[in-house]
Amino acid sequence: MPDTKKFKRVVTCQGGIQLVAAVAALETREQEQQRRDVEYEDYLVIYDLYAPDPQLPQFARAVERMARALRNWKSIAYFSREQMVEFDQQLTFATRPQVYQRIRDLVGVDKADEIYLCRNWQFGNRLMLNVYRDALKVCYGDSIGIYFSEAYFSPAVPKNGKPLKATVTDQLRRIKHSLQSRLTGNETLVRDVVLDEIQFDIGYFLLPEILGETPPMETRLVNKTTTGEIFRKLARALDPDQIAAQYGYLATRPAVILMTSNFSEASRMSGEKELVAYREFLENLQLPRESTLIVKPHPRDGEEKVRELGRVLSDMFAHVVLLTDLNLFFIPFEVFLIQTFLGEDQTAPRNLKVITFSTACLSLPILFDIRPVIGFGNEIVRTSFFDDYISGRLQHEHDLESAMKTLYHA
């Protein structure tokens, strides 16, 4: 057998479902390469989880637990919110080499052959691309492997075509460093402190154009069998007996699963209006009151919001079950679905209804032959979302409905 060399890959991750997409991309690329002359060394970096501060350590531990269940890692690093702020504050033209080296030391590898990221337009991702700029740059997308641009979820896009948030951020950064340069007399700060914008070399996606945008790089398709097997592997590894003992009875009852999203936490609407919006949407569906409602939180939801939602909806159903324990809060819904509802033939009960409000809906038809209900609809969006986000939200719901039609007709 020929001598093997180390092939080092840095994988960045911002959540549990993103980890699934990243590992699917890794496995797909390995199958393409079919290289027997290399020994893969994988380095996972978790950061920018964007959950409420008290929940961040638990979220990071959950992602690490998932990661260890899926494959062997040379190292796993977690950059806390405080560390990311520190990197940002320390980053100037003069200090970039030292900051980059510190990050390499924390990750555990100086030079990588490949780096995998979900996107390239947030500070953390731009930072990692600059740190490992000589590596092949692989995009694996968001959710279960979809592509969307920086402009997709922005509240508005000005005439220059750049998202409003990005424009304002750049302006503030220039003002900040202009002030610094006046104080220090160092004009190079104005030109050089901003991280270079680095493009991807290739992308691996399960559903690259499902939201109507075309990835701006060469793309390869991830087979749905690869993604489905990753979910099943997690379901086998993450306390299946405990989950079955605690929640298995739900498969024998009429059940409604409500998959929430972090609308108020992301400042898309107020917390009060979010609770009202969920209730109003469920009332419009006229669901059987003898059903059991199962609330699966978004991993970036605030826990107290989820508990308050349970109280708000308690009179509408025979029982309300909140999946807020640590085994389930931060784990992708698909894992719970497999563990609790799918029989030996991997089919869901006919009386199971799943209600979604985000790209979480996409895995259901393509992997489980479940057609979810998508909320909220025009009226609730217009009365609930902040004005800057209404048009974008309406477009997103239209895109999700179009995606459902595409997946069911495929």
Protein backbone atom coordinates (compact mmCIF):
# COMPACT_ATOMS: atom_id res chain seq x y z
CA MET A 1 0.00 0.00 0.00
CA PRO A 2 1.47 3.40 -0.96
CA ASP A 3 2.51 5.82 1.74
CA THR A 4 -0.26 8.19 2.74
CA LYS A 5 0.03 11.87 3.45
CA LYS A 6 -2.05 14.01 5.79
CA PHE A 7 -4.89 15.89 4.07
CA LYS A 8 -6.09 18.56 6.48
CA ARG A 9 -9.61 19.99 6.37
CA VAL A 10 -11.02 22.78 8.52
CA VAL A 11 -14.80 22.61 8.91
CA THR A 12 -16.60 25.62 10.35
CA CYS A 13 -20.04 25.22 11.87
CA GLN A 14 -22.76 27.57 13.17
CA GLY A 15 -25.38 25.06 14.36
CA GLY A 16 -26.61 21.49 14.37
CA ILE A 17 -28.35 21.46 11.00
CA GLN A 18 -25.35 23.22 9.45
CA LEU A 19 -23.18 20.41 10.83
CA VAL A 20 -25.32 17.89 8.95
CA ALA A 21 -24.88 19.85 5.71
CA ALA A 22 -21.13 20.15 6.31
CA VAL A 23 -20.65 16.43 6.93
CA ALA A 24 -22.76 15.63 3.86
CA ALA A 25 -20.46 17.84 1.79
CA LEU A 26 -17.37 16.18 3.30
CA GLU A 27 -18.65 12.70 2.53
CA THR A 28 -19.70 13.65 -1.00
CA ARG A 29 -16.31 15.14 -1.74
CA GLU A 30 -14.55 12.07 -0.32
CA GLN A 31 -16.62 9.84 -2.59
CA GLU A 32 -15.63 11.98 -5.58
CA GLN A 33 -11.95 12.05 -4.71
CA GLN A 34 -11.57 8.34 -3.94
CA ARG A 35 -8.07 9.06 -2.68
CA ARG A 36 -6.20 6.19 -1.11
CA ASP A 37 -2.97 8.15 -0.87
CA VAL A 38 -4.22 10.51 1.85
CA GLU A 39 -5.29 10.29 5.46
CA TYR A 40 -7.93 12.88 6.26
CA GLU A 41 -7.47 15.02 9.36
CA ASP A 42 -10.57 17.07 10.14
CA TYR A 43 -10.66 20.10 12.44
CA LEU A 44 -14.07 21.39 13.52
CA VAL A 45 -14.55 25.03 14.54
CA ILE A 46 -17.87 26.04 16.14
CA TYR A 47 -18.74 29.75 16.39
CA ASP A 48 -21.44 32.37 15.78
CA LEU A 49 -24.32 30.28 17.13
CA TYR A 50 -26.48 33.41 17.60
CA ALA A 51 -28.53 32.04 20.49
CA PRO A 52 -29.46 33.91 23.68
CA ASP A 53 -26.30 34.27 25.77
CA PRO A 54 -27.26 31.90 28.62
CA GLN A 55 -27.92 29.09 26.12
CA LEU A 56 -24.71 29.39 24.09
CA PRO A 57 -22.54 26.95 26.11
CA GLN A 58 -25.27 24.28 26.00
CA PHE A 59 -25.77 24.85 22.27
CA ALA A 60 -22.04 24.47 21.61
CA ARG A 61 -21.88 21.25 23.67
CA ALA A 62 -24.84 19.83 21.74
CA VAL A 63 -23.16 20.54 18.39
CA GLU A 64 -19.92 18.98 19.63
CA ARG A 65 -21.80 15.90 20.80
CA MET A 66 -23.42 15.55 17.39
CA ALA A 67 -20.07 16.00 15.69
CA ARG A 68 -18.40 13.25 17.74
CA ALA A 69 -21.29 10.91 16.94
CA LEU A 70 -20.78 11.39 13.21
CA ARG A 71 -17.03 11.06 12.65
CA ASN A 72 -13.57 11.29 14.16
CA TRP A 73 -12.11 14.78 14.51
CA LYS A 74 -8.50 15.67 15.08
CA SER A 75 -9.75 18.53 17.25
CA ILE A 76 -12.93 20.48 17.99
CA ALA A 77 -12.68 24.15 18.94
CA TYR A 78 -15.43 26.48 20.10
CA PHE A 79 -15.01 30.25 19.78
CA SER A 80 -17.32 31.98 22.24
CA ARG A 81 -19.08 35.25 21.51
CA GLU A 82 -16.52 37.02 23.71
CA GLN A 83 -13.63 35.53 21.74
CA MET A 84 -15.16 36.61 18.43
CA VAL A 85 -15.58 40.16 19.73
CA GLU A 86 -11.98 40.09 20.91
CA PHE A 87 -10.75 38.94 17.49
CA ASP A 88 -12.71 41.78 15.87
CA GLN A 89 -11.40 44.40 18.26
CA GLN A 90 -7.79 43.27 17.94
CA LEU A 91 -7.81 43.01 14.16
CA THR A 92 -5.83 45.81 12.51
CA PHE A 93 -3.37 45.81 9.64
CA ALA A 94 -0.49 45.69 12.08
CA THR A 95 -1.90 42.85 14.22
CA ARG A 96 -3.43 40.61 11.55
CA PRO A 97 -0.52 38.12 11.48
CA GLN A 98 -0.67 37.67 15.26
CA VAL A 99 -4.47 37.35 15.35
CA TYR A 100 -4.43 34.83 12.49
CA GLN A 101 -1.73 32.78 14.20
CA ARG A 102 -3.66 32.76 17.46
CA ILE A 103 -6.69 31.39 15.63
CA ARG A 104 -4.58 28.73 13.95
CA ASP A 105 -3.20 27.72 17.34
CA LEU A 106 -6.72 27.44 18.77
CA VAL A 107 -7.97 25.41 15.78
CA GLY A 108 -4.92 23.16 15.99
CA VAL A 109 -3.60 23.41 12.44
CA ASP A 110 -1.41 26.00 10.70
CA LYS A 111 -2.15 25.06 7.10
CA ALA A 112 -5.27 23.46 5.67
CA ASP A 113 -5.83 21.83 2.30
CA GLU A 114 -9.56 22.60 2.35
CA ILE A 115 -11.88 24.79 4.42
CA TYR A 116 -15.67 24.29 4.57
CA LEU A 117 -18.09 27.11 5.44
CA CYS A 118 -21.82 27.73 5.11
CA ARG A 119 -21.32 31.27 3.75
CA ASN A 120 -18.65 33.91 3.23
CA TRP A 121 -20.33 37.16 4.24
CA GLN A 122 -20.37 37.29 8.05
CA PHE A 123 -17.39 38.42 10.11
CA GLY A 124 -16.59 34.99 11.51
CA ASN A 125 -16.66 33.33 8.10
CA ARG A 126 -14.65 36.10 6.43
CA LEU A 127 -12.13 35.82 9.26
CA MET A 128 -11.70 32.06 8.81
CA LEU A 129 -11.36 32.43 5.04
CA ASN A 130 -8.59 34.98 5.55
CA VAL A 131 -6.84 32.80 8.13
CA TYR A 132 -6.83 29.79 5.76
CA ARG A 133 -6.84 31.68 2.48
CA ASP A 134 -4.54 29.20 0.71
CA ALA A 135 -6.97 26.30 1.26
CA LEU A 136 -9.55 25.20 -1.29
CA LYS A 137 -12.72 26.98 -0.20
CA VAL A 138 -15.87 24.84 -0.09
CA CYS A 139 -19.39 26.16 0.54
CA TYR A 140 -21.94 23.71 1.98
CA GLY A 141 -24.79 26.18 2.38
CA ASP A 142 -27.33 26.66 5.14
CA SER A 143 -30.14 24.49 6.49
CA ILE A 144 -29.86 20.99 4.96
CA GLY A 145 -27.71 22.28 2.10
CA ILE A 146 -29.29 25.25 0.35
CA TYR A 147 -27.78 28.44 -1.02
CA PHE A 148 -28.89 31.98 -0.34
CA SER A 149 -26.98 35.23 -0.73
CA GLU A 150 -26.34 38.00 1.77
CA ALA A 151 -29.16 40.01 0.21
CA TYR A 152 -31.80 37.30 0.63
CA PHE A 153 -32.87 38.02 4.22
CA SER A 154 -31.83 41.68 4.35
CA PRO A 155 -34.59 44.18 5.16
CA ALA A 156 -33.80 46.37 2.16
CA VAL A 157 -31.35 46.63 -0.72
CA PRO A 158 -30.27 50.16 -1.75
CA LYS A 159 -29.41 51.24 -5.27
CA ASN A 160 -25.85 49.97 -5.09
CA GLY A 161 -27.24 46.45 -4.73
CA LYS A 162 -25.52 45.87 -1.39
CA PRO A 163 -27.72 44.86 1.56
CA LEU A 164 -28.57 47.75 3.88
CA LYS A 165 -27.09 46.03 6.92
CA ALA A 166 -23.80 45.36 5.13
CA THR A 167 -23.67 48.94 3.84
CA VAL A 168 -24.20 50.41 7.30
CA THR A 169 -21.65 48.04 8.83
CA ASP A 170 -19.03 49.03 6.26
CA GLN A 171 -19.74 52.72 6.84
CA LEU A 172 -19.38 52.35 10.61
CA ARG A 173 -16.16 50.39 10.16
CA ARG A 174 -14.72 53.10 7.93
CA ILE A 175 -15.70 55.81 10.44
CA LYS A 176 -14.16 53.83 13.30
CA HIS A 177 -10.85 53.34 11.56
CA SER A 178 -10.81 56.85 10.15
CA LEU A 179 -10.95 58.11 13.73
CA GLN A 180 -8.21 55.66 14.70
CA SER A 181 -5.99 56.87 11.88
CA ARG A 182 -6.40 60.48 12.93
CA LEU A 183 -5.39 59.59 16.46
CA THR A 184 -2.42 57.44 15.44
CA GLY A 185 -1.36 59.16 12.26
CA ASN A 186 -1.39 55.77 10.54
CA GLU A 187 -3.34 56.12 7.30
CA THR A 188 -2.85 52.42 6.42
CA LEU A 189 -5.54 51.56 8.95
CA VAL A 190 -8.18 53.08 6.69
CA ARG A 191 -7.19 50.93 3.71
CA ASP A 192 -6.10 47.66 5.18
CA VAL A 193 -7.99 46.78 8.33
CA VAL A 194 -11.06 45.38 6.54
CA LEU A 195 -10.85 41.64 5.89
CA ASP A 196 -10.43 40.67 2.27
CA GLU A 197 -13.56 39.41 0.57
CA ILE A 198 -12.77 35.88 -0.55
CA GLN A 199 -14.96 33.83 -2.88
CA PHE A 200 -15.66 30.11 -2.76
CA ASP A 201 -14.00 27.73 -5.17
CA ILE A 202 -16.80 25.14 -5.17
CA GLY A 203 -20.10 24.40 -3.47
CA TYR A 204 -21.77 21.16 -2.38
CA PHE A 205 -25.53 21.46 -1.89
CA LEU A 206 -28.52 19.19 -1.49
CA LEU A 207 -30.86 21.85 -2.95
CA PRO A 208 -28.68 24.58 -4.46
CA GLU A 209 -31.33 26.69 -6.23
CA ILE A 210 -34.44 25.83 -4.21
CA LEU A 211 -34.95 29.45 -3.03
CA GLY A 212 -34.60 30.87 -6.52
CA GLU A 213 -30.96 31.98 -6.31
CA THR A 214 -28.10 30.45 -8.29
CA PRO A 215 -24.84 29.88 -6.38
CA PRO A 216 -22.02 32.01 -7.85
CA MET A 217 -19.54 29.14 -7.86
CA GLU A 218 -19.14 25.72 -9.43
CA THR A 219 -21.59 23.40 -7.68
CA ARG A 220 -21.96 19.69 -7.03
CA LEU A 221 -25.07 17.94 -5.79
CA VAL A 222 -25.26 16.08 -2.49
CA ASN A 223 -27.37 12.94 -2.77
CA LYS A 224 -30.38 12.93 -0.45
CA THR A 225 -29.41 9.41 0.62
CA THR A 226 -26.19 10.82 2.10
CA THR A 227 -28.07 13.44 4.11
CA GLY A 228 -30.74 10.99 5.21
CA GLU A 229 -28.15 8.51 6.49
CA ILE A 230 -26.48 11.25 8.56
CA PHE A 231 -29.78 11.94 10.31
CA ARG A 232 -30.32 8.23 10.91
CA LYS A 233 -26.81 7.88 12.32
CA LEU A 234 -27.53 10.68 14.76
CA ALA A 235 -30.85 9.09 15.68
CA ARG A 236 -29.05 5.85 16.52
CA ALA A 237 -26.37 7.62 18.56
CA LEU A 238 -28.24 10.28 20.54
CA ASP A 239 -30.14 8.53 23.35
CA PRO A 240 -32.65 6.62 21.19
CA ASP A 241 -33.86 4.40 24.05
CA GLN A 242 -34.35 7.35 26.37
CA ILE A 243 -36.23 9.34 23.72
CA ALA A 244 -38.40 6.34 22.85
CA ALA A 245 -39.23 5.73 26.51
CA GLN A 246 -40.13 9.37 27.12
CA TYR A 247 -41.87 10.29 23.88
CA GLY A 248 -42.67 7.07 22.02
CA TYR A 249 -46.33 7.23 23.06
CA LEU A 250 -46.78 10.31 20.84
CA ALA A 251 -46.71 8.14 17.72
CA THR A 252 -49.97 6.48 18.82
CA ARG A 253 -51.89 9.75 19.19
CA PRO A 254 -53.13 12.42 16.79
CA ALA A 255 -50.20 14.84 16.89
CA VAL A 256 -49.41 18.33 15.66
CA ILE A 257 -45.77 19.38 15.58
CA LEU A 258 -45.11 23.11 15.73
CA MET A 259 -41.58 24.04 14.65
CA THR A 260 -40.97 27.55 15.91
CA SER A 261 -38.43 30.05 14.67
CA ASN A 262 -36.37 32.80 16.30
CA PHE A 263 -38.35 35.74 14.92
CA SER A 264 -38.29 37.94 18.01
CA GLU A 265 -34.74 36.95 18.96
CA ALA A 266 -33.65 38.03 15.46
CA SER A 267 -35.61 41.30 15.81
CA ARG A 268 -38.08 40.47 13.03
CA MET A 269 -41.06 41.09 15.34
CA SER A 270 -41.72 41.67 19.03
CA GLY A 271 -41.89 38.76 21.45
CA GLU A 272 -45.54 39.47 22.23
CA LYS A 273 -46.53 39.56 18.57
CA GLU A 274 -44.68 36.33 17.88
CA LEU A 275 -46.75 34.47 20.46
CA VAL A 276 -49.97 35.98 19.12
CA ALA A 277 -48.97 35.13 15.54
CA TYR A 278 -48.45 31.43 16.35
CA ARG A 279 -51.80 31.22 18.12
CA GLU A 280 -53.68 33.04 15.38
CA PHE A 281 -52.18 30.81 12.70
CA LEU A 282 -53.07 27.64 14.61
CA GLU A 283 -56.60 28.90 15.18
CA ASN A 284 -56.99 29.47 11.45
CA LEU A 285 -56.04 25.84 10.79
CA GLN A 286 -58.93 24.59 12.98
CA LEU A 287 -56.96 21.63 14.30
CA PRO A 288 -58.68 18.88 16.32
CA ARG A 289 -58.67 19.78 20.00
CA GLU A 290 -58.05 16.17 20.96
CA SER A 291 -54.61 16.40 19.33
CA THR A 292 -51.35 16.60 21.22
CA LEU A 293 -49.29 19.65 20.32
CA ILE A 294 -45.53 19.10 20.24
CA VAL A 295 -43.47 22.30 20.22
CA LYS A 296 -39.99 21.84 18.74
CA PRO A 297 -38.01 25.02 19.46
CA HIS A 298 -35.59 26.56 17.04
CA PRO A 299 -32.12 26.17 18.60
CA ARG A 300 -31.83 29.98 18.65
CA ASP A 301 -35.16 30.48 20.44
CA GLY A 302 -35.20 31.85 23.96
CA GLU A 303 -36.25 29.10 26.36
CA GLU A 304 -38.64 31.34 28.29
CA LYS A 305 -40.41 32.30 25.06
CA VAL A 306 -41.00 28.63 24.32
CA ARG A 307 -42.42 28.03 27.80
CA GLU A 308 -44.71 31.05 27.48
CA LEU A 309 -45.86 29.77 24.08
CA GLY A 310 -46.84 26.49 25.73
CA ARG A 311 -48.99 28.41 28.19
CA VAL A 312 -50.54 30.54 25.42
CA LEU A 313 -51.56 27.45 23.41
CA SER A 314 -52.51 25.13 26.28
CA ASP A 315 -56.28 25.61 25.92
CA MET A 316 -56.27 24.66 22.23
CA PHE A 317 -55.10 21.04 22.58
CA ALA A 318 -55.59 18.05 24.82
CA HIS A 319 -51.89 18.10 25.71
CA VAL A 320 -48.90 20.34 24.96
CA VAL A 321 -45.40 18.84 24.96
CA LEU A 322 -42.41 21.21 24.92
CA LEU A 323 -39.16 19.71 23.65
CA THR A 324 -37.02 21.90 25.88
CA ASP A 325 -34.78 19.32 27.56
CA LEU A 326 -31.12 19.46 26.56
CA ASN A 327 -31.35 16.21 24.58
CA LEU A 328 -33.74 17.82 22.12
CA PHE A 329 -33.67 21.65 22.25
CA PHE A 330 -30.55 22.06 20.12
CA ILE A 331 -30.78 18.85 18.08
CA PRO A 332 -32.26 18.96 14.54
CA PHE A 333 -35.93 18.05 14.44
CA GLU A 334 -35.27 15.30 11.91
CA VAL A 335 -33.47 13.27 14.60
CA PHE A 336 -36.48 13.42 16.94
CA LEU A 337 -38.83 12.59 14.05
CA ILE A 338 -36.87 9.41 13.25
CA GLN A 339 -36.58 8.36 16.88
CA THR A 340 -40.23 8.93 17.77
CA PHE A 341 -42.50 8.74 14.76
CA LEU A 342 -40.94 6.69 11.98
CA GLY A 343 -41.64 2.99 12.01
CA GLU A 344 -39.49 0.18 10.63
CA ASP A 345 -40.58 1.13 7.12
CA GLN A 346 -39.43 4.73 7.77
CA THR A 347 -42.87 6.19 7.07
CA ALA A 348 -44.60 8.74 9.27
CA PRO A 349 -48.10 8.23 10.73
CA ARG A 350 -50.86 9.50 8.48
CA ASN A 351 -52.36 11.65 11.23
CA LEU A 352 -49.11 13.55 11.87
CA LYS A 353 -49.26 17.23 10.95
CA VAL A 354 -46.08 19.35 10.90
CA ILE A 355 -46.24 23.15 10.89
CA THR A 356 -43.15 25.11 9.90
CA PHE A 357 -42.14 28.72 9.32
CA SER A 358 -38.69 28.43 7.77
CA THR A 359 -36.40 26.33 5.59
CA ALA A 360 -36.87 23.61 8.23
CA CYS A 361 -39.74 22.52 5.98
CA LEU A 362 -37.42 21.42 3.17
CA SER A 363 -36.18 18.13 4.61
CA LEU A 364 -39.70 16.82 5.23
CA PRO A 365 -40.82 16.12 1.64
CA ILE A 366 -37.41 15.19 0.25
CA LEU A 367 -36.37 12.81 3.05
CA PHE A 368 -39.59 11.70 4.77
CA ASP A 369 -42.43 12.20 2.24
CA ILE A 370 -44.19 14.58 4.66
CA ARG A 371 -45.90 17.68 3.29
CA PRO A 372 -45.71 20.37 5.98
CA VAL A 373 -47.94 23.38 6.53
CA ILE A 374 -46.07 26.66 6.00
CA GLY A 375 -46.97 29.79 7.95
CA PHE A 376 -47.87 32.57 8.48
CA GLY A 377 -49.69 33.95 5.45
CA ASN A 378 -50.09 37.52 4.24
CA GLU A 379 -52.44 38.89 6.88
CA ILE A 380 -50.48 37.69 9.92
CA VAL A 381 -47.17 38.75 8.37
CA ARG A 382 -48.44 42.28 7.74
CA THR A 383 -49.77 42.68 11.29
CA SER A 384 -46.89 40.97 13.10
CA PHE A 385 -43.54 41.67 11.45
CA PHE A 386 -41.68 44.95 11.71
CA ASP A 387 -42.23 47.08 8.61
CA ASP A 388 -38.71 46.63 7.22
CA TYR A 389 -39.14 42.84 7.13
CA ILE A 390 -42.69 42.44 5.80
CA SER A 391 -41.88 42.30 2.08
CA GLY A 392 -38.91 39.99 2.62
CA ARG A 393 -40.97 37.65 4.78
CA LEU A 394 -43.79 37.50 2.22
CA GLN A 395 -41.27 36.67 -0.49
CA HIS A 396 -39.68 33.98 1.70
CA GLU A 397 -43.03 32.28 2.31
CA HIS A 398 -43.72 32.41 -1.43
CA ASP A 399 -40.30 30.83 -2.06
CA LEU A 400 -40.98 28.08 0.47
CA GLU A 401 -44.37 27.28 -1.08
CA SER A 402 -42.75 27.17 -4.53
CA ALA A 403 -40.06 24.88 -3.13
CA MET A 404 -42.73 22.49 -1.83
CA LYS A 405 -44.30 22.28 -5.28
CA THR A 406 -40.92 21.66 -6.87
CA LEU A 407 -40.01 18.90 -4.43
CA TYR A 408 -43.35 17.14 -4.74
CA HIS A 409 -43.29 17.23 -8.52
CA ALA A 410 -39.67 16.06 -8.73
